[in-house]
Amino acid sequence: YFLLANLSLTDTGLVSTTVPNMLANIWIQNQLISYAGCLSQLYIFLLFGTLEAFLLAVMAYDRYVAICHPLHYTMVMSPGLCVLLVSASWITSALYSLVHTLLMNSLSFCAEHEIPHFFCDINPLLRLSCTDPFINELVIFSIGGLTGAVSVLCLIISYTYVFSRIWKIPSTQGKKKALSTCSSHLSVVSLFFGTTSSVYFSPPSTRSAPKGAIASVMYTAVTPMLNPLIYTLR
């Protein structure tokens, strides 16, 4: 429940960064945003987006301990460890977001100032830059790739052990019960990582503004909206 509370806080922050501004733009037909406001939105969005990826990885480890070591669960997943993992996720996400925001601030935007997106995201802003964004793109694929790889690797390793443990359960009822404890988390992971990977790690030649906007709506609005439904129904 401590991890779920942090996930809920993250979802609230992620939605609050983009959706109210988008609705205001639609309602009052004023789509202006200041330079400082754009960078602030970028930082907060990256903070909560990265934090969600880390929290989902931590929750995968939580499911691993619960299914593979149920008798040791309360000892392993102690309040101290939970606070440590969540604090590390917050700090790493804040530093990661700061790096991208500072790099974006170093670029020049001297020509087109219309962002082909509904919020200030990395890729649409890079396309508007009139200076070479090579360093920014290098950081996206290196540090961003490393951040995503750590989260995904944690998910894969945790669920490899989980599924191997479930496979050894002799009764069908026992297997169903064990799988049901992971179903909510797996649904959220599939939604979040499926849409973010298509936006940030697809080749530049295949990217387009409409496709990027649709995928972004999925993980900035739809996924956070579905998370409470998925977990409360579970």
Protein backbone atom coordinates (compact mmCIF):
# COMPACT_ATOMS: atom_id res chain seq x y z
CA TYR A 1 0.00 0.00 0.00
CA PHE A 2 2.97 2.31 0.57
CA LEU A 3 4.13 1.66 -3.01
CA LEU A 4 0.59 2.08 -4.34
CA ALA A 5 0.28 5.40 -2.51
CA ASN A 6 3.45 6.64 -4.21
CA LEU A 7 2.21 5.36 -7.58
CA SER A 8 -1.05 7.27 -7.06
CA LEU A 9 0.87 10.43 -6.15
CA THR A 10 3.01 9.99 -9.28
CA ASP A 11 -0.04 9.50 -11.50
CA THR A 12 -1.65 12.61 -10.01
CA GLY A 13 1.50 14.63 -10.69
CA LEU A 14 1.81 13.27 -14.24
CA VAL A 15 -1.79 14.14 -15.10
CA SER A 16 -1.68 17.54 -13.37
CA THR A 17 1.37 18.56 -15.40
CA THR A 18 -0.23 18.17 -18.81
CA VAL A 19 -4.02 17.66 -18.81
CA PRO A 20 -5.27 20.89 -17.10
CA ASN A 21 -3.15 23.03 -19.44
CA MET A 22 -4.37 21.04 -22.45
CA LEU A 23 -8.03 21.50 -21.41
CA ALA A 24 -7.47 25.22 -20.83
CA ASN A 25 -5.97 25.55 -24.31
CA ILE A 26 -9.02 23.85 -25.82
CA TRP A 27 -11.53 25.83 -23.74
CA ILE A 28 -10.18 29.39 -24.04
CA GLN A 29 -8.38 28.88 -27.37
CA ASN A 30 -5.18 30.38 -25.96
CA GLN A 31 -2.31 28.04 -26.72
CA LEU A 32 0.55 30.26 -25.56
CA ILE A 33 3.11 29.10 -22.99
CA SER A 34 6.11 31.04 -21.73
CA TYR A 35 9.67 29.76 -22.20
CA ALA A 36 10.11 29.32 -18.42
CA GLY A 37 6.70 27.66 -18.18
CA CYS A 38 7.60 25.26 -20.99
CA LEU A 39 10.87 24.22 -19.30
CA SER A 40 9.08 23.86 -15.95
CA GLN A 41 6.45 21.64 -17.52
CA LEU A 42 9.19 19.57 -19.19
CA TYR A 43 11.04 19.09 -15.89
CA ILE A 44 7.96 18.10 -13.86
CA PHE A 45 6.69 15.81 -16.61
CA LEU A 46 10.05 14.01 -16.89
CA LEU A 47 10.26 13.77 -13.09
CA PHE A 48 6.94 11.97 -12.69
CA GLY A 49 7.30 9.93 -15.88
CA THR A 50 10.71 8.57 -14.84
CA LEU A 51 9.50 8.06 -11.28
CA GLU A 52 6.60 5.92 -12.51
CA ALA A 53 9.02 3.65 -14.40
CA PHE A 54 11.17 3.19 -11.28
CA LEU A 55 8.16 2.58 -9.04
CA LEU A 56 6.81 -0.09 -11.39
CA ALA A 57 10.22 -1.80 -11.21
CA VAL A 58 10.19 -1.64 -7.40
CA MET A 59 6.67 -3.08 -7.37
CA ALA A 60 7.88 -5.95 -9.59
CA TYR A 61 10.51 -6.76 -6.95
CA ASP A 62 7.74 -6.59 -4.33
CA ARG A 63 5.71 -9.18 -6.31
CA TYR A 64 8.82 -11.39 -6.60
CA VAL A 65 9.33 -11.41 -2.84
CA ALA A 66 5.61 -11.96 -2.16
CA ILE A 67 5.38 -15.02 -4.44
CA CYS A 68 8.86 -16.55 -4.24
CA HIS A 69 9.54 -15.87 -0.54
CA PRO A 70 6.12 -15.40 1.08
CA LEU A 71 7.23 -16.39 4.60
CA HIS A 72 10.03 -13.82 4.53
CA TYR A 73 7.96 -11.07 2.91
CA THR A 74 7.46 -8.84 5.97
CA MET A 75 11.12 -9.18 6.89
CA VAL A 76 12.51 -8.48 3.39
CA MET A 77 10.06 -5.73 2.37
CA SER A 78 10.48 -3.86 5.63
CA PRO A 79 9.27 -0.25 5.96
CA GLY A 80 12.92 0.87 5.93
CA LEU A 81 13.65 -0.85 2.60
CA CYS A 82 10.45 0.51 1.05
CA VAL A 83 11.36 4.06 2.07
CA LEU A 84 14.92 3.57 0.77
CA LEU A 85 13.76 2.26 -2.64
CA VAL A 86 11.16 4.99 -3.08
CA SER A 87 13.57 7.74 -1.94
CA ALA A 88 16.23 6.48 -4.40
CA SER A 89 13.60 6.53 -7.17
CA TRP A 90 12.64 10.15 -6.35
CA ILE A 91 16.25 11.37 -6.21
CA THR A 92 17.32 9.60 -9.42
CA SER A 93 14.24 10.87 -11.29
CA ALA A 94 14.85 14.44 -10.11
CA LEU A 95 18.49 14.38 -11.26
CA TYR A 96 17.61 12.74 -14.59
CA SER A 97 14.94 15.37 -15.29
CA LEU A 98 17.30 18.18 -14.33
CA VAL A 99 19.94 16.99 -16.84
CA HIS A 100 17.43 17.01 -19.71
CA THR A 101 15.98 20.38 -18.73
CA LEU A 102 19.41 22.05 -18.50
CA LEU A 103 20.42 20.60 -21.87
CA MET A 104 17.17 21.84 -23.40
CA ASN A 105 17.82 25.30 -21.93
CA SER A 106 21.19 25.40 -23.72
CA LEU A 107 19.53 25.13 -27.17
CA SER A 108 18.42 28.08 -29.30
CA PHE A 109 14.89 28.42 -30.71
CA CYS A 110 15.17 31.16 -33.31
CA ALA A 111 12.77 30.14 -36.08
CA GLU A 112 9.47 28.30 -35.57
CA HIS A 113 7.89 28.62 -32.13
CA GLU A 114 4.83 26.42 -32.59
CA ILE A 115 5.13 23.11 -30.74
CA PRO A 116 3.40 20.29 -32.67
CA HIS A 117 2.24 18.70 -29.43
CA PHE A 118 -0.17 19.31 -26.55
CA PHE A 119 2.60 19.85 -23.98
CA CYS A 120 6.34 20.58 -23.83
CA ASP A 121 7.98 17.23 -24.43
CA ILE A 122 11.58 16.47 -25.42
CA ASN A 123 11.17 15.28 -29.02
CA PRO A 124 8.83 18.08 -30.25
CA LEU A 125 11.12 20.71 -28.69
CA LEU A 126 14.23 19.20 -30.26
CA ARG A 127 12.59 19.39 -33.67
CA LEU A 128 12.12 23.17 -33.18
CA SER A 129 15.73 23.85 -32.23
CA CYS A 130 17.90 25.75 -34.70
CA THR A 131 21.10 24.47 -33.05
CA ASP A 132 22.40 20.94 -33.37
CA PRO A 133 20.63 18.77 -30.75
CA PHE A 134 23.19 15.96 -31.05
CA ILE A 135 24.17 16.08 -27.35
CA ASN A 136 20.51 16.02 -26.28
CA GLU A 137 19.75 13.04 -28.50
CA LEU A 138 22.89 11.29 -27.26
CA VAL A 139 21.75 11.76 -23.65
CA ILE A 140 18.25 10.50 -24.49
CA PHE A 141 19.61 7.26 -25.97
CA SER A 142 22.41 6.79 -23.42
CA ILE A 143 21.16 7.95 -20.01
CA GLY A 144 17.52 7.53 -21.03
CA GLY A 145 18.25 4.09 -22.45
CA LEU A 146 20.16 3.12 -19.29
CA THR A 147 17.32 4.33 -17.07
CA GLY A 148 14.77 2.39 -19.09
CA ALA A 149 17.04 -0.67 -19.25
CA VAL A 150 17.43 -0.76 -15.45
CA SER A 151 13.66 -0.63 -14.97
CA VAL A 152 12.90 -3.18 -17.69
CA LEU A 153 15.70 -5.50 -16.52
CA CYS A 154 14.33 -5.43 -12.99
CA LEU A 155 10.88 -6.26 -14.36
CA ILE A 156 12.15 -9.12 -16.54
CA ILE A 157 14.30 -10.70 -13.82
CA SER A 158 11.56 -10.41 -11.18
CA TYR A 159 8.89 -11.94 -13.40
CA THR A 160 11.21 -14.66 -14.68
CA TYR A 161 11.55 -15.88 -11.09
CA VAL A 162 7.84 -15.31 -10.43
CA PHE A 163 6.67 -17.35 -13.46
CA SER A 164 9.19 -20.07 -12.77
CA ARG A 165 7.87 -20.32 -9.19
CA ILE A 166 4.25 -20.31 -10.36
CA TRP A 167 5.03 -23.08 -12.87
CA LYS A 168 6.17 -25.31 -10.00
CA ILE A 169 2.90 -24.93 -8.08
CA PRO A 170 1.14 -28.30 -8.45
CA SER A 171 -2.52 -27.21 -8.28
CA THR A 172 -4.30 -25.19 -10.96
CA GLN A 173 -6.11 -23.21 -8.28
CA GLY A 174 -2.78 -22.27 -6.70
CA LYS A 175 -1.41 -21.11 -10.04
CA LYS A 176 -4.47 -18.95 -10.69
CA LYS A 177 -4.25 -17.42 -7.22
CA ALA A 178 -0.56 -16.58 -7.68
CA LEU A 179 -1.14 -15.14 -11.15
CA SER A 180 -4.01 -12.98 -9.91
CA THR A 181 -1.64 -11.17 -7.54
CA CYS A 182 0.48 -10.08 -10.56
CA SER A 183 -2.28 -9.33 -13.07
CA SER A 184 -2.85 -5.72 -11.98
CA HIS A 185 0.82 -4.85 -12.04
CA LEU A 186 1.41 -6.56 -15.41
CA SER A 187 -1.50 -4.63 -16.96
CA VAL A 188 -0.12 -1.29 -15.78
CA VAL A 189 3.43 -2.17 -16.89
CA SER A 190 2.24 -3.17 -20.38
CA LEU A 191 0.29 0.06 -20.85
CA PHE A 192 3.04 2.36 -19.58
CA PHE A 193 6.16 0.83 -21.13
CA GLY A 194 4.43 -0.05 -24.40
CA THR A 195 3.44 3.56 -25.12
CA THR A 196 6.59 5.28 -23.76
CA SER A 197 8.94 3.04 -25.75
CA SER A 198 7.06 3.81 -28.97
CA VAL A 199 7.47 7.56 -28.35
CA TYR A 200 11.05 7.87 -27.08
CA PHE A 201 12.96 4.91 -28.50
CA SER A 202 11.61 4.63 -32.02
CA PRO A 203 13.91 5.63 -34.94
CA PRO A 204 13.62 9.33 -35.93
CA SER A 205 12.59 8.36 -39.48
CA THR A 206 9.43 6.65 -38.18
CA ARG A 207 8.34 9.43 -35.81
CA SER A 208 5.46 11.74 -36.66
CA ALA A 209 3.74 14.44 -34.61
CA PRO A 210 0.20 12.92 -34.76
CA LYS A 211 1.38 9.42 -33.80
CA GLY A 212 3.54 10.83 -31.03
CA ALA A 213 0.67 12.88 -29.65
CA ILE A 214 -1.69 9.88 -29.61
CA ALA A 215 0.87 7.67 -27.85
CA SER A 216 1.59 10.49 -25.38
CA VAL A 217 -2.10 10.79 -24.50
CA MET A 218 -2.03 7.08 -23.63
CA TYR A 219 0.65 7.34 -20.97
CA THR A 220 -0.04 10.92 -19.75
CA ALA A 221 -3.82 10.63 -19.35
CA VAL A 222 -5.25 7.16 -20.11
CA THR A 223 -2.76 5.03 -18.14
CA PRO A 224 -2.92 7.16 -14.95
CA MET A 225 -6.72 7.10 -15.21
CA LEU A 226 -6.80 3.31 -15.59
CA ASN A 227 -4.32 2.56 -12.77
CA PRO A 228 -6.80 3.23 -9.92
CA LEU A 229 -9.48 1.21 -11.73
CA ILE A 230 -7.12 -1.73 -12.32
CA TYR A 231 -5.93 -1.86 -8.71
CA THR A 232 -9.29 -1.18 -7.03
CA LEU A 233 -11.05 -3.82 -9.16
CA ARG A 234 -8.26 -6.25 -8.25
